[in-house]
């Protein structure tokens, strides 16, 4: 069985208009309607917003001090 997918919009009066497809003429068909999810598009982040959000994300004072101590002892 061959399946067809059409991305359509139902009119305000409730009509669905299918594209012309002669292979479907005079045939019984089954129609399943799956509403699309309404997605909202967020505007892209500005570079300053990105830096403000992620600045200091990996900063850990305790770890930084331990690294500094280790490296200063190693390379004295």
Protein backbone atom coordinates (compact mmCIF):
# COMPACT_ATOMS: atom_id res chain seq x y z
CA UNK A 1 0.00 0.00 0.00
CA UNK A 2 1.39 3.37 -1.00
CA UNK A 3 1.15 6.25 1.49
CA UNK A 4 1.00 9.96 0.70
CA UNK A 5 1.82 12.85 2.97
CA UNK A 6 0.52 16.35 2.34
CA UNK A 7 1.27 19.36 4.54
CA UNK A 8 -1.97 21.33 4.40
CA UNK A 9 -3.95 23.94 6.28
CA UNK A 10 -7.63 23.47 7.05
CA UNK A 11 -9.56 26.55 5.93
CA UNK A 12 -11.66 28.62 8.34
CA UNK A 13 -14.76 27.00 6.85
CA UNK A 14 -13.34 23.53 7.61
CA UNK A 15 -12.36 22.50 4.07
CA UNK A 16 -9.27 20.47 3.22
CA UNK A 17 -8.03 20.87 -0.33
CA UNK A 18 -5.75 18.07 -1.54
CA UNK A 19 -3.29 18.44 -4.41
CA UNK A 20 -4.40 16.94 -7.72
CA UNK A 21 -3.36 13.27 -7.74
CA UNK A 22 -4.95 11.14 -10.51
CA UNK A 23 -3.78 7.88 -8.92
CA UNK A 24 -6.30 8.50 -6.11
CA UNK A 25 -9.27 9.18 -8.38
CA UNK A 26 -12.30 6.93 -7.81
CA UNK A 27 -10.63 5.13 -4.88
CA UNK A 28 -11.65 4.77 -1.27
CA UNK A 29 -9.06 6.32 1.07
CA UNK A 30 -8.46 6.61 4.80
CA UNK A 31 -7.50 10.05 6.09
CA UNK A 32 -5.70 10.61 9.40
CA UNK A 33 -5.29 14.19 10.60
CA UNK A 34 -2.34 14.96 12.86
CA UNK A 35 -2.15 18.58 14.06
CA UNK A 36 1.33 20.10 13.94
CA UNK A 37 2.88 21.42 17.14
CA UNK A 38 2.94 25.18 17.39
CA UNK A 39 6.57 26.06 17.94
CA UNK A 40 7.70 29.48 18.97
CA UNK A 41 10.96 30.70 17.52
CA UNK A 42 13.20 32.40 20.04
CA UNK A 43 15.32 35.28 18.79
CA UNK A 44 19.02 34.40 18.64
CA UNK A 45 21.09 35.26 21.71
CA UNK A 46 23.42 38.19 21.53
CA UNK A 47 27.07 37.50 22.25
CA UNK A 48 26.89 39.63 25.39
CA UNK A 49 23.94 37.58 26.67
CA UNK A 50 25.87 34.36 26.06
CA UNK A 51 28.92 35.62 27.94
CA UNK A 52 26.77 36.91 30.80
CA UNK A 53 25.02 33.55 31.11
CA UNK A 54 28.11 31.32 30.95
CA UNK A 55 30.83 33.53 32.48
CA UNK A 56 32.45 31.76 35.40
CA UNK A 57 30.59 28.52 34.70
CA UNK A 58 33.67 26.36 35.17
CA UNK A 59 35.36 28.58 37.71
CA UNK A 60 35.93 26.85 41.01
CA UNK A 61 38.12 28.79 43.43
CA UNK A 62 39.11 25.71 45.43
CA UNK A 63 40.23 23.84 42.32
CA UNK A 64 42.00 26.89 40.90
CA UNK A 65 43.99 27.37 44.11
CA UNK A 66 44.98 23.69 44.17
CA UNK A 67 46.17 23.88 40.55
CA UNK A 68 48.14 27.07 41.24
CA UNK A 69 49.81 25.50 44.29
CA UNK A 70 50.68 22.30 42.42
CA UNK A 71 52.13 24.13 39.42
CA UNK A 72 54.10 26.61 41.53
CA UNK A 73 55.67 23.75 43.53
CA UNK A 74 56.38 21.72 40.41
CA UNK A 75 58.12 24.53 38.48
CA UNK A 76 60.10 26.26 41.26
